[in-house]
PDB file of N, CA and C in Angstrom:
ATOM      1  N   MET A   1      16.873  -6.878 -11.411  1.00  0.00           N
ATOM      2  CA  MET A   1      15.693  -7.502 -11.976  1.00  0.00           C
ATOM      3  C   MET A   1      15.069  -6.576 -13.013  1.00  0.00           C
ATOM      4  N   THR A   2      14.502  -7.163 -14.010  1.00  0.00           N
ATOM      5  CA  THR A   2      13.791  -6.374 -15.013  1.00  0.00           C
ATOM      6  C   THR A   2      12.406  -6.017 -14.488  1.00  0.00           C
ATOM      7  N   ILE A   3      11.751  -5.109 -15.167  1.00  0.00           N
ATOM      8  CA  ILE A   3      10.411  -4.705 -14.749  1.00  0.00           C
ATOM      9  C   ILE A   3       9.436  -5.881 -14.833  1.00  0.00           C
ATOM     10  N   LYS A   4       9.626  -6.747 -15.809  1.00  0.00           N
ATOM     11  CA  LYS A   4       8.758  -7.919 -15.947  1.00  0.00           C
ATOM     12  C   LYS A   4       8.949  -8.864 -14.765  1.00  0.00           C
ATOM     13  N   GLU A   5      10.197  -9.073 -14.343  1.00  0.00           N
ATOM     14  CA  GLU A   5      10.479  -9.935 -13.201  1.00  0.00           C
ATOM     15  C   GLU A   5       9.895  -9.345 -11.913  1.00  0.00           C
ATOM     16  N   VAL A   6      10.047  -8.040 -11.747  1.00  0.00           N
ATOM     17  CA  VAL A   6       9.509  -7.357 -10.567  1.00  0.00           C
ATOM     18  C   VAL A   6       7.991  -7.450 -10.565  1.00  0.00           C
ATOM     19  N   SER A   7       7.392  -7.249 -11.713  1.00  0.00           N
ATOM     20  CA  SER A   7       5.941  -7.329 -11.849  1.00  0.00           C
ATOM     21  C   SER A   7       5.440  -8.696 -11.402  1.00  0.00           C
ATOM     22  N   LYS A   8       6.087  -9.731 -11.862  1.00  0.00           N
ATOM     23  CA  LYS A   8       5.687 -11.092 -11.520  1.00  0.00           C
ATOM     24  C   LYS A   8       5.930 -11.378 -10.038  1.00  0.00           C
ATOM     25  N   LYS A   9       7.080 -10.976  -9.525  1.00  0.00           N
ATOM     26  CA  LYS A   9       7.439 -11.263  -8.132  1.00  0.00           C
ATOM     27  C   LYS A   9       6.500 -10.596  -7.138  1.00  0.00           C
ATOM     28  N   TYR A  10       6.123  -9.337  -7.422  1.00  0.00           N
ATOM     29  CA  TYR A  10       5.337  -8.569  -6.464  1.00  0.00           C
ATOM     30  C   TYR A  10       3.860  -8.433  -6.832  1.00  0.00           C
ATOM     31  N   GLY A  11       3.472  -8.979  -7.979  1.00  0.00           N
ATOM     32  CA  GLY A  11       2.069  -8.933  -8.363  1.00  0.00           C
ATOM     33  C   GLY A  11       1.575  -7.529  -8.687  1.00  0.00           C
ATOM     34  N   ILE A  12       2.428  -6.742  -9.312  1.00  0.00           N
ATOM     35  CA  ILE A  12       2.080  -5.378  -9.712  1.00  0.00           C
ATOM     36  C   ILE A  12       2.309  -5.289 -11.211  1.00  0.00           C
ATOM     37  N   SER A  13       1.353  -4.757 -11.935  1.00  0.00           N
ATOM     38  CA  SER A  13       1.500  -4.691 -13.389  1.00  0.00           C
ATOM     39  C   SER A  13       2.678  -3.797 -13.782  1.00  0.00           C
ATOM     40  N   THR A  14       3.241  -4.059 -14.934  1.00  0.00           N
ATOM     41  CA  THR A  14       4.352  -3.235 -15.412  1.00  0.00           C
ATOM     42  C   THR A  14       3.893  -1.795 -15.627  1.00  0.00           C
ATOM     43  N   ASP A  15       2.659  -1.615 -16.073  1.00  0.00           N
ATOM     44  CA  ASP A  15       2.128  -0.256 -16.252  1.00  0.00           C
ATOM     45  C   ASP A  15       2.085   0.490 -14.925  1.00  0.00           C
ATOM     46  N   THR A  16       1.640  -0.211 -13.869  1.00  0.00           N
ATOM     47  CA  THR A  16       1.586   0.414 -12.550  1.00  0.00           C
ATOM     48  C   THR A  16       2.981   0.758 -12.057  1.00  0.00           C
ATOM     49  N   LEU A  17       3.932  -0.136 -12.254  1.00  0.00           N
ATOM     50  CA  LEU A  17       5.314   0.143 -11.847  1.00  0.00           C
ATOM     51  C   LEU A  17       5.864   1.364 -12.575  1.00  0.00           C
ATOM     52  N   ARG A  18       5.607   1.461 -13.865  1.00  0.00           N
ATOM     53  CA  ARG A  18       6.066   2.627 -14.633  1.00  0.00           C
ATOM     54  C   ARG A  18       5.408   3.904 -14.122  1.00  0.00           C
ATOM     55  N   TYR A  19       4.108   3.811 -13.838  1.00  0.00           N
ATOM     56  CA  TYR A  19       3.375   4.962 -13.311  1.00  0.00           C
ATOM     57  C   TYR A  19       3.948   5.385 -11.964  1.00  0.00           C
ATOM     58  N   TYR A  20       4.143   4.440 -11.075  1.00  0.00           N
ATOM     59  CA  TYR A  20       4.709   4.755  -9.764  1.00  0.00           C
ATOM     60  C   TYR A  20       6.077   5.424  -9.892  1.00  0.00           C
ATOM     61  N   GLU A  21       6.879   4.937 -10.799  1.00  0.00           N
ATOM     62  CA  GLU A  21       8.192   5.555 -11.012  1.00  0.00           C
ATOM     63  C   GLU A  21       8.029   6.984 -11.532  1.00  0.00           C
ATOM     64  N   ARG A  22       7.135   7.152 -12.490  1.00  0.00           N
ATOM     65  CA  ARG A  22       6.928   8.462 -13.114  1.00  0.00           C
ATOM     66  C   ARG A  22       6.467   9.508 -12.099  1.00  0.00           C
ATOM     67  N   ILE A  23       5.602   9.116 -11.153  1.00  0.00           N
ATOM     68  CA  ILE A  23       5.091  10.099 -10.191  1.00  0.00           C
ATOM     69  C   ILE A  23       5.961  10.211  -8.942  1.00  0.00           C
ATOM     70  N   GLY A  24       7.039   9.436  -8.880  1.00  0.00           N
ATOM     71  CA  GLY A  24       7.983   9.569  -7.776  1.00  0.00           C
ATOM     72  C   GLY A  24       7.674   8.722  -6.558  1.00  0.00           C
ATOM     73  N   LEU A  25       6.928   7.629  -6.732  1.00  0.00           N
ATOM     74  CA  LEU A  25       6.623   6.775  -5.592  1.00  0.00           C
ATOM     75  C   LEU A  25       7.798   5.919  -5.146  1.00  0.00           C
ATOM     76  N   PHE A  26       8.763   5.764  -6.001  1.00  0.00           N
ATOM     77  CA  PHE A  26      10.029   5.204  -5.569  1.00  0.00           C
ATOM     78  C   PHE A  26      11.128   5.871  -6.377  1.00  0.00           C
ATOM     79  N   PRO A  27      12.346   5.804  -5.874  1.00  0.00           N
ATOM     80  CA  PRO A  27      13.451   6.523  -6.521  1.00  0.00           C
ATOM     81  C   PRO A  27      13.649   6.092  -7.966  1.00  0.00           C
ATOM     82  N   ARG A  28      14.305   6.939  -8.699  1.00  0.00           N
ATOM     83  CA  ARG A  28      14.625   6.597 -10.090  1.00  0.00           C
ATOM     84  C   ARG A  28      15.288   5.236 -10.150  1.00  0.00           C
ATOM     85  N   ILE A  29      14.797   4.427 -11.032  1.00  0.00           N
ATOM     86  CA  ILE A  29      15.336   3.092 -11.198  1.00  0.00           C
ATOM     87  C   ILE A  29      16.546   3.173 -12.128  1.00  0.00           C
ATOM     88  N   LYS A  30      17.593   2.491 -11.724  1.00  0.00           N
ATOM     89  CA  LYS A  30      18.790   2.461 -12.577  1.00  0.00           C
ATOM     90  C   LYS A  30      18.443   1.732 -13.865  1.00  0.00           C
ATOM     91  N   ARG A  31      19.163   2.090 -14.910  1.00  0.00           N
ATOM     92  CA  ARG A  31      18.931   1.469 -16.208  1.00  0.00           C
ATOM     93  C   ARG A  31      20.229   0.899 -16.754  1.00  0.00           C
ATOM     94  N   THR A  32      20.066  -0.131 -17.552  1.00  0.00           N
ATOM     95  CA  THR A  32      21.226  -0.715 -18.216  1.00  0.00           C
ATOM     96  C   THR A  32      21.666   0.224 -19.337  1.00  0.00           C
ATOM     97  N   ALA A  33      22.777  -0.089 -19.945  1.00  0.00           N
ATOM     98  CA  ALA A  33      23.289   0.724 -21.049  1.00  0.00           C
ATOM     99  C   ALA A  33      22.284   0.814 -22.187  1.00  0.00           C
ATOM    100  N   SER A  34      21.462  -0.211 -22.337  1.00  0.00           N
ATOM    101  CA  SER A  34      20.453  -0.199 -23.406  1.00  0.00           C
ATOM    102  C   SER A  34      19.131   0.420 -22.951  1.00  0.00           C
ATOM    103  N   GLY A  35      19.083   0.948 -21.715  1.00  0.00           N
ATOM    104  CA  GLY A  35      17.901   1.657 -21.247  1.00  0.00           C
ATOM    105  C   GLY A  35      16.866   0.821 -20.528  1.00  0.00           C
ATOM    106  N   ILE A  36      17.164  -0.442 -20.300  1.00  0.00           N
ATOM    107  CA  ILE A  36      16.211  -1.318 -19.618  1.00  0.00           C
ATOM    108  C   ILE A  36      16.314  -1.080 -18.106  1.00  0.00           C
ATOM    109  N   ARG A  37      15.154  -0.960 -17.466  1.00  0.00           N
ATOM    110  CA  ARG A  37      15.140  -0.758 -16.016  1.00  0.00           C
ATOM    111  C   ARG A  37      15.791  -1.947 -15.327  1.00  0.00           C
ATOM    112  N   ASN A  38      16.601  -1.624 -14.305  1.00  0.00           N
ATOM    113  CA  ASN A  38      17.282  -2.654 -13.531  1.00  0.00           C
ATOM    114  C   ASN A  38      16.983  -2.407 -12.054  1.00  0.00           C
ATOM    115  N   PHE A  39      15.999  -3.119 -11.524  1.00  0.00           N
ATOM    116  CA  PHE A  39      15.566  -2.939 -10.145  1.00  0.00           C
ATOM    117  C   PHE A  39      16.552  -3.637  -9.218  1.00  0.00           C
ATOM    118  N   ASP A  40      17.233  -2.848  -8.400  1.00  0.00           N
ATOM    119  CA  ASP A  40      18.156  -3.423  -7.429  1.00  0.00           C
ATOM    120  C   ASP A  40      17.432  -3.693  -6.114  1.00  0.00           C
ATOM    121  N   GLU A  41      18.162  -4.146  -5.104  1.00  0.00           N
ATOM    122  CA  GLU A  41      17.549  -4.506  -3.825  1.00  0.00           C
ATOM    123  C   GLU A  41      16.861  -3.307  -3.170  1.00  0.00           C
ATOM    124  N   GLU A  42      17.486  -2.135  -3.222  1.00  0.00           N
ATOM    125  CA  GLU A  42      16.883  -0.941  -2.623  1.00  0.00           C
ATOM    126  C   GLU A  42      15.565  -0.592  -3.304  1.00  0.00           C
ATOM    127  N   ALA A  43      15.549  -0.658  -4.629  1.00  0.00           N
ATOM    128  CA  ALA A  43      14.317  -0.365  -5.373  1.00  0.00           C
ATOM    129  C   ALA A  43      13.225  -1.362  -4.996  1.00  0.00           C
ATOM    130  N   CYS A  44      13.606  -2.620  -4.838  1.00  0.00           N
ATOM    131  CA  CYS A  44      12.617  -3.639  -4.474  1.00  0.00           C
ATOM    132  C   CYS A  44      12.089  -3.412  -3.065  1.00  0.00           C
ATOM    133  N   GLU A  45      12.929  -2.928  -2.165  1.00  0.00           N
ATOM    134  CA  GLU A  45      12.455  -2.607  -0.816  1.00  0.00           C
ATOM    135  C   GLU A  45      11.414  -1.492  -0.872  1.00  0.00           C
ATOM    136  N   TRP A  46      11.634  -0.491  -1.726  1.00  0.00           N
ATOM    137  CA  TRP A  46      10.645   0.576  -1.897  1.00  0.00           C
ATOM    138  C   TRP A  46       9.346   0.005  -2.463  1.00  0.00           C
ATOM    139  N   ILE A  47       9.468  -0.905  -3.408  1.00  0.00           N
ATOM    140  CA  ILE A  47       8.275  -1.502  -4.010  1.00  0.00           C
ATOM    141  C   ILE A  47       7.468  -2.257  -2.959  1.00  0.00           C
ATOM    142  N   VAL A  48       8.144  -3.007  -2.102  1.00  0.00           N
ATOM    143  CA  VAL A  48       7.453  -3.749  -1.044  1.00  0.00           C
ATOM    144  C   VAL A  48       6.722  -2.769  -0.124  1.00  0.00           C
ATOM    145  N   PHE A  49       7.392  -1.684   0.250  1.00  0.00           N
ATOM    146  CA  PHE A  49       6.777  -0.679   1.120  1.00  0.00           C
ATOM    147  C   PHE A  49       5.557  -0.050   0.447  1.00  0.00           C
ATOM    148  N   ILE A  50       5.721   0.396  -0.779  1.00  0.00           N
ATOM    149  CA  ILE A  50       4.628   1.055  -1.503  1.00  0.00           C
ATOM    150  C   ILE A  50       3.471   0.084  -1.721  1.00  0.00           C
ATOM    151  N   LYS A  51       3.768  -1.140  -2.087  1.00  0.00           N
ATOM    152  CA  LYS A  51       2.708  -2.139  -2.293  1.00  0.00           C
ATOM    153  C   LYS A  51       1.933  -2.350  -0.999  1.00  0.00           C
ATOM    154  N   CYS A  52       2.634  -2.477   0.104  1.00  0.00           N
ATOM    155  CA  CYS A  52       1.980  -2.649   1.402  1.00  0.00           C
ATOM    156  C   CYS A  52       1.055  -1.466   1.692  1.00  0.00           C
ATOM    157  N   MET A  53       1.550  -0.272   1.496  1.00  0.00           N
ATOM    158  CA  MET A  53       0.751   0.924   1.764  1.00  0.00           C
ATOM    159  C   MET A  53      -0.455   1.017   0.840  1.00  0.00           C
ATOM    160  N   ARG A  54      -0.252   0.746  -0.431  1.00  0.00           N
ATOM    161  CA  ARG A  54      -1.361   0.817  -1.386  1.00  0.00           C
ATOM    162  C   ARG A  54      -2.382  -0.289  -1.133  1.00  0.00           C
ATOM    163  N   ASP A  55      -1.916  -1.474  -0.728  1.00  0.00           N
ATOM    164  CA  ASP A  55      -2.840  -2.558  -0.404  1.00  0.00           C
ATOM    165  C   ASP A  55      -3.735  -2.176   0.766  1.00  0.00           C
ATOM    166  N   CYS A  56      -3.258  -1.275   1.611  1.00  0.00           N
ATOM    167  CA  CYS A  56      -4.049  -0.781   2.742  1.00  0.00           C
ATOM    168  C   CYS A  56      -4.824   0.473   2.372  1.00  0.00           C
ATOM    169  N   ASP A  57      -4.826   0.793   1.093  1.00  0.00           N
ATOM    170  CA  ASP A  57      -5.579   1.933   0.567  1.00  0.00           C
ATOM    171  C   ASP A  57      -5.025   3.287   1.013  1.00  0.00           C
ATOM    172  N   ILE A  58      -3.724   3.321   1.306  1.00  0.00           N
ATOM    173  CA  ILE A  58      -3.084   4.601   1.581  1.00  0.00           C
ATOM    174  C   ILE A  58      -3.022   5.360   0.254  1.00  0.00           C
ATOM    175  N   GLN A  59      -3.399   6.617   0.287  1.00  0.00           N
ATOM    176  CA  GLN A  59      -3.469   7.399  -0.947  1.00  0.00           C
ATOM    177  C   GLN A  59      -2.077   7.738  -1.470  1.00  0.00           C
ATOM    178  N   ILE A  60      -2.026   8.014  -2.753  1.00  0.00           N
ATOM    179  CA  ILE A  60      -0.760   8.258  -3.425  1.00  0.00           C
ATOM    180  C   ILE A  60      -0.111   9.564  -2.966  1.00  0.00           C
ATOM    181  N   ALA A  61      -0.891  10.609  -2.758  1.00  0.00           N
ATOM    182  CA  ALA A  61      -0.310  11.913  -2.404  1.00  0.00           C
ATOM    183  C   ALA A  61       0.570  11.861  -1.156  1.00  0.00           C
ATOM    184  N   PRO A  62       0.088  11.305  -0.033  1.00  0.00           N
ATOM    185  CA  PRO A  62       0.983  11.250   1.125  1.00  0.00           C
ATOM    186  C   PRO A  62       2.181  10.333   0.907  1.00  0.00           C
ATOM    187  N   LEU A  63       2.014   9.305   0.096  1.00  0.00           N
ATOM    188  CA  LEU A  63       3.141   8.420  -0.183  1.00  0.00           C
ATOM    189  C   LEU A  63       4.227   9.124  -0.992  1.00  0.00           C
ATOM    190  N   THR A  64       3.818   9.859  -2.015  1.00  0.00           N
ATOM    191  CA  THR A  64       4.825  10.572  -2.816  1.00  0.00           C
ATOM    192  C   THR A  64       5.523  11.628  -1.963  1.00  0.00           C
ATOM    193  N   GLN A  65       4.768  12.263  -1.082  1.00  0.00           N
ATOM    194  CA  GLN A  65       5.371  13.247  -0.180  1.00  0.00           C
ATOM    195  C   GLN A  65       6.383  12.563   0.742  1.00  0.00           C
ATOM    196  N   TYR A  66       6.003  11.424   1.290  1.00  0.00           N
ATOM    197  CA  TYR A  66       6.892  10.676   2.178  1.00  0.00           C
ATOM    198  C   TYR A  66       8.172  10.267   1.441  1.00  0.00           C
ATOM    199  N   VAL A  67       8.019   9.733   0.247  1.00  0.00           N
ATOM    200  CA  VAL A  67       9.188   9.292  -0.525  1.00  0.00           C
ATOM    201  C   VAL A  67      10.108  10.473  -0.817  1.00  0.00           C
ATOM    202  N   ALA A  68       9.535  11.577  -1.253  1.00  0.00           N
ATOM    203  CA  ALA A  68      10.350  12.761  -1.551  1.00  0.00           C
ATOM    204  C   ALA A  68      11.112  13.217  -0.309  1.00  0.00           C
ATOM    205  N   LEU A  69      10.436  13.234   0.827  1.00  0.00           N
ATOM    206  CA  LEU A  69      11.082  13.648   2.075  1.00  0.00           C
ATOM    207  C   LEU A  69      12.174  12.673   2.504  1.00  0.00           C
ATOM    208  N   SER A  70      12.048  11.414   2.112  1.00  0.00           N
ATOM    209  CA  SER A  70      13.030  10.402   2.495  1.00  0.00           C
ATOM    210  C   SER A  70      14.417  10.690   1.953  1.00  0.00           C
ATOM    211  N   PHE A  71      14.491  11.524   0.942  1.00  0.00           N
ATOM    212  CA  PHE A  71      15.787  11.844   0.332  1.00  0.00           C
ATOM    213  C   PHE A  71      16.285  13.226   0.742  1.00  0.00           C
ATOM    214  N   GLU A  72      15.616  13.805   1.739  1.00  0.00           N
ATOM    215  CA  GLU A  72      16.036  15.101   2.263  1.00  0.00           C
ATOM    216  C   GLU A  72      16.429  14.936   3.725  1.00  0.00           C
ATOM    217  N   LYS A  73      17.536  15.544   4.087  1.00  0.00           N
ATOM    218  CA  LYS A  73      17.980  15.487   5.484  1.00  0.00           C
ATOM    219  C   LYS A  73      17.103  16.391   6.339  1.00  0.00           C
ATOM    220  N   GLY A  74      16.940  15.989   7.591  1.00  0.00           N
ATOM    221  CA  GLY A  74      16.202  16.808   8.542  1.00  0.00           C
ATOM    222  C   GLY A  74      14.698  16.785   8.378  1.00  0.00           C
ATOM    223  N   THR A  75      14.180  15.769   7.711  1.00  0.00           N
ATOM    224  CA  THR A  75      12.728  15.700   7.477  1.00  0.00           C
ATOM    225  C   THR A  75      12.066  14.571   8.267  1.00  0.00           C
ATOM    226  N   GLU A  76      12.764  14.089   9.266  1.00  0.00           N
ATOM    227  CA  GLU A  76      12.239  12.962  10.035  1.00  0.00           C
ATOM    228  C   GLU A  76      10.884  13.284  10.665  1.00  0.00           C
ATOM    229  N   ARG A  77      10.720  14.490  11.207  1.00  0.00           N
ATOM    230  CA  ARG A  77       9.451  14.876  11.841  1.00  0.00           C
ATOM    231  C   ARG A  77       8.318  14.845  10.830  1.00  0.00           C
ATOM    232  N   GLN A  78       8.543  15.399   9.628  1.00  0.00           N
ATOM    233  CA  GLN A  78       7.489  15.405   8.608  1.00  0.00           C
ATOM    234  C   GLN A  78       7.125  13.977   8.183  1.00  0.00           C
ATOM    235  N   ARG A  79       8.152  13.130   8.037  1.00  0.00           N
ATOM    236  CA  ARG A  79       7.886  11.740   7.650  1.00  0.00           C
ATOM    237  C   ARG A  79       7.103  11.014   8.740  1.00  0.00           C
ATOM    238  N   LEU A  80       7.495  11.241   9.983  1.00  0.00           N
ATOM    239  CA  LEU A  80       6.780  10.636  11.099  1.00  0.00           C
ATOM    240  C   LEU A  80       5.328  11.106  11.126  1.00  0.00           C
ATOM    241  N   ASP A  81       5.104  12.389  10.898  1.00  0.00           N
ATOM    242  CA  ASP A  81       3.741  12.929  10.885  1.00  0.00           C
ATOM    243  C   ASP A  81       2.895  12.276   9.797  1.00  0.00           C
ATOM    244  N   ILE A  82       3.483  12.088   8.631  1.00  0.00           N
ATOM    245  CA  ILE A  82       2.758  11.437   7.531  1.00  0.00           C
ATOM    246  C   ILE A  82       2.377  10.021   7.930  1.00  0.00           C
ATOM    247  N   LEU A  83       3.332   9.287   8.470  1.00  0.00           N
ATOM    248  CA  LEU A  83       3.056   7.905   8.864  1.00  0.00           C
ATOM    249  C   LEU A  83       2.018   7.825   9.974  1.00  0.00           C
ATOM    250  N   LYS A  84       2.100   8.717  10.948  1.00  0.00           N
ATOM    251  CA  LYS A  84       1.117   8.724  12.036  1.00  0.00           C
ATOM    252  C   LYS A  84      -0.281   9.054  11.521  1.00  0.00           C
ATOM    253  N   GLU A  85      -0.362   9.995  10.615  1.00  0.00           N
ATOM    254  CA  GLU A  85      -1.662  10.362  10.051  1.00  0.00           C
ATOM    255  C   GLU A  85      -2.278   9.182   9.297  1.00  0.00           C
ATOM    256  N   GLN A  86      -1.459   8.478   8.528  1.00  0.00           N
ATOM    257  CA  GLN A  86      -1.960   7.329   7.773  1.00  0.00           C
ATOM    258  C   GLN A  86      -2.337   6.188   8.714  1.00  0.00           C
ATOM    259  N   ARG A  87      -1.564   6.015   9.775  1.00  0.00           N
ATOM    260  CA  ARG A  87      -1.894   4.989  10.761  1.00  0.00           C
ATOM    261  C   ARG A  87      -3.245   5.302  11.414  1.00  0.00           C
ATOM    262  N   ALA A  88      -3.463   6.552  11.789  1.00  0.00           N
ATOM    263  CA  ALA A  88      -4.737   6.943  12.407  1.00  0.00           C
ATOM    264  C   ALA A  88      -5.897   6.694  11.455  1.00  0.00           C
ATOM    265  N   ARG A  89      -5.678   6.971  10.185  1.00  0.00           N
ATOM    266  CA  ARG A  89      -6.709   6.732   9.176  1.00  0.00           C
ATOM    267  C   ARG A  89      -7.041   5.242   9.090  1.00  0.00           C
ATOM    268  N   LEU A  90      -6.022   4.396   9.117  1.00  0.00           N
ATOM    269  CA  LEU A  90      -6.241   2.950   9.067  1.00  0.00           C
ATOM    270  C   LEU A  90      -6.960   2.446  10.315  1.00  0.00           C
ATOM    271  N   VAL A  91      -6.632   2.999  11.468  1.00  0.00           N
ATOM    272  CA  VAL A  91      -7.302   2.601  12.708  1.00  0.00           C
ATOM    273  C   VAL A  91      -8.786   2.956  12.634  1.00  0.00           C
ATOM    274  N   ARG A  92      -9.100   4.148  12.117  1.00  0.00           N
ATOM    275  CA  ARG A  92     -10.508   4.528  11.951  1.00  0.00           C
ATOM    276  C   ARG A  92     -11.224   3.555  11.013  1.00  0.00           C
ATOM    277  N   GLN A  93     -10.557   3.207   9.904  1.00  0.00           N
ATOM    278  CA  GLN A  93     -11.159   2.264   8.962  1.00  0.00           C
ATOM    279  C   GLN A  93     -11.380   0.902   9.620  1.00  0.00           C
ATOM    280  N   ARG A  94     -10.405   0.457  10.405  1.00  0.00           N
ATOM    281  CA  ARG A  94     -10.533  -0.832  11.089  1.00  0.00           C
ATOM    282  C   ARG A  94     -11.710  -0.801  12.060  1.00  0.00           C
ATOM    283  N   ASP A  95     -11.853   0.299  12.786  1.00  0.00           N
ATOM    284  CA  ASP A  95     -12.967   0.431  13.723  1.00  0.00           C
ATOM    285  C   ASP A  95     -14.303   0.375  12.993  1.00  0.00           C
ATOM    286  N   GLU A  96     -14.383   1.034  11.845  1.00  0.00           N
ATOM    287  CA  GLU A  96     -15.607   0.996  11.054  1.00  0.00           C
ATOM    288  C   GLU A  96     -15.893  -0.422  10.559  1.00  0.00           C
ATOM    289  N   LEU A  97     -14.851  -1.118  10.112  1.00  0.00           N
ATOM    290  CA  LEU A  97     -15.024  -2.504   9.661  1.00  0.00           C
ATOM    291  C   LEU A  97     -15.447  -3.408  10.810  1.00  0.00           C
ATOM    292  N   ASP A  98     -14.867  -3.211  11.980  1.00  0.00           N
ATOM    293  CA  ASP A  98     -15.248  -4.012  13.144  1.00  0.00           C
ATOM    294  C   ASP A  98     -16.722  -3.800  13.479  1.00  0.00           C
ATOM    295  N   ALA A  99     -17.188  -2.564  13.431  1.00  0.00           N
ATOM    296  CA  ALA A  99     -18.596  -2.274  13.723  1.00  0.00           C
ATOM    297  C   ALA A  99     -19.501  -2.921  12.680  1.00  0.00           C
ATOM    298  N   THR A 100     -19.113  -2.853  11.431  1.00  0.00           N
ATOM    299  CA  THR A 100     -19.898  -3.473  10.363  1.00  0.00           C
ATOM    300  C   THR A 100     -19.920  -4.984  10.524  1.00  0.00           C
ATOM    301  N   LEU A 101     -18.791  -5.555  10.848  1.00  0.00           N
ATOM    302  CA  LEU A 101     -18.712  -7.000  11.054  1.00  0.00           C
ATOM    303  C   LEU A 101     -19.590  -7.430  12.230  1.00  0.00           C
ATOM    304  N   GLU A 102     -19.611  -6.654  13.280  1.00  0.00           N
ATOM    305  CA  GLU A 102     -20.460  -6.963  14.431  1.00  0.00           C
ATOM    306  C   GLU A 102     -21.935  -6.963  14.034  1.00  0.00           C
ATOM    307  N   ARG A 103     -22.350  -5.963  13.262  1.00  0.00           N
ATOM    308  CA  ARG A 103     -23.743  -5.922  12.787  1.00  0.00           C
ATOM    309  C   ARG A 103     -24.065  -7.135  11.920  1.00  0.00           C
ATOM    310  N   LEU A 104     -23.152  -7.447  11.030  1.00  0.00           N
ATOM    311  CA  LEU A 104     -23.350  -8.580  10.135  1.00  0.00           C
ATOM    312  C   LEU A 104     -23.434  -9.886  10.930  1.00  0.00           C
ATOM    313  N   ASN A 105     -22.585 -10.038  11.910  1.00  0.00           N
ATOM    314  CA  ASN A 105     -22.627 -11.242  12.746  1.00  0.00           C
ATOM    315  C   ASN A 105     -23.970 -11.373  13.456  1.00  0.00           C
ATOM    316  N   LYS A 106     -24.508 -10.263  13.930  1.00  0.00           N
ATOM    317  CA  LYS A 106     -25.821 -10.298  14.598  1.00  0.00           C
ATOM    318  C   LYS A 106     -26.916 -10.730  13.621  1.00  0.00           C
ATOM    319  N   LYS A 107     -26.856 -10.219  12.395  1.00  0.00           N
ATOM    320  CA  LYS A 107     -27.859 -10.604  11.389  1.00  0.00           C
ATOM    321  C   LYS A 107     -27.736 -12.084  11.052  1.00  0.00           C
ATOM    322  N   VAL A 108     -26.520 -12.549  10.870  1.00  0.00           N
ATOM    323  CA  VAL A 108     -26.307 -13.972  10.570  1.00  0.00           C
ATOM    324  C   VAL A 108     -26.846 -14.820  11.711  1.00  0.00           C
ATOM    325  N   GLN A 109     -26.525 -14.431  12.946  1.00  0.00           N
ATOM    326  CA  GLN A 109     -27.008 -15.187  14.115  1.00  0.00           C
ATOM    327  C   GLN A 109     -28.534 -15.192  14.176  1.00  0.00           C
ATOM    328  N   HIS A 110     -29.144 -14.063  13.863  1.00  0.00           N
ATOM    329  CA  HIS A 110     -30.611 -13.975  13.851  1.00  0.00           C
ATOM    330  C   HIS A 110     -31.196 -15.003  12.888  1.00  0.00           C
ATOM    331  N   TYR A 111     -30.681 -15.047  11.661  1.00  0.00           N
ATOM    332  CA  TYR A 111     -31.237 -15.968  10.675  1.00  0.00           C
ATOM    333  C   TYR A 111     -30.929 -17.417  11.016  1.00  0.00           C
ATOM    334  N   GLU A 112     -29.785 -17.672  11.602  1.00  0.00           N
ATOM    335  CA  GLU A 112     -29.485 -19.040  12.054  1.00  0.00           C
ATOM    336  C   GLU A 112     -30.455 -19.447  13.151  1.00  0.00           C
ATOM    337  N   ASP A 113     -30.740 -18.530  14.086  1.00  0.00           N
ATOM    338  CA  ASP A 113     -31.698 -18.817  15.157  1.00  0.00           C
ATOM    339  C   ASP A 113     -33.088 -19.097  14.578  1.00  0.00           C
ATOM    340  N   VAL A 114     -33.526 -18.289  13.628  1.00  0.00           N
ATOM    341  CA  VAL A 114     -34.842 -18.480  12.990  1.00  0.00           C
ATOM    342  C   VAL A 114     -34.900 -19.841  12.329  1.00  0.00           C
ATOM    343  N   LEU A 115     -33.883 -20.178  11.559  1.00  0.00           N
ATOM    344  CA  LEU A 115     -33.879 -21.461  10.852  1.00  0.00           C
ATOM    345  C   LEU A 115     -33.796 -22.642  11.816  1.00  0.00           C
ATOM    346  N   ASN A 116     -33.033 -22.503  12.870  1.00  0.00           N
ATOM    347  CA  ASN A 116     -32.943 -23.579  13.871  1.00  0.00           C
ATOM    348  C   ASN A 116     -34.278 -23.770  14.588  1.00  0.00           C
ATOM    349  N   ALA A 117     -34.989 -22.691  14.844  1.00  0.00           N
ATOM    350  CA  ALA A 117     -36.303 -22.770  15.511  1.00  0.00           C
ATOM    351  C   ALA A 117     -37.327 -23.472  14.617  1.00  0.00           C
ATOM    352  N   GLN A 118     -37.167 -23.307  13.299  1.00  0.00           N
ATOM    353  CA  GLN A 118     -38.096 -23.938  12.351  1.00  0.00           C
ATOM    354  C   GLN A 118     -37.807 -25.438  12.217  1.00  0.00           C
ATOM    355  N   GLY A 119     -36.608 -25.751  12.546  1.00  0.00           N
ATOM    356  CA  GLY A 119     -36.099 -26.966  12.392  1.00  0.00           C
ATOM    357  C   GLY A 119     -36.189 -28.293  12.280  1.00  0.00           C
TER     358      GLY A 119
END
């Protein structure tokens, strides 16, 4: 697939895809003889993974570290540690969102009760 096709399929701008490639967020993309990027299935799998992580607000630094380690043998422990750390961060964020949602629900219920009492 071309970069334009990948951009459309995954909803990521071509500029972002080029940036991600440049900083090492996914492996070097193969190119045609004329130099056009040719995203194969493996590259697209990396894009899906990176998009998922970025959509969850995982920072770029741990992702680039994870990707780099993915191409080195014997780095399973480091990769696992990175993933566990990011998972813990997401759990903390979810807990904070749950607490905020609970407060918001109480406020909404309060105003609904007030309006129903006026009723």
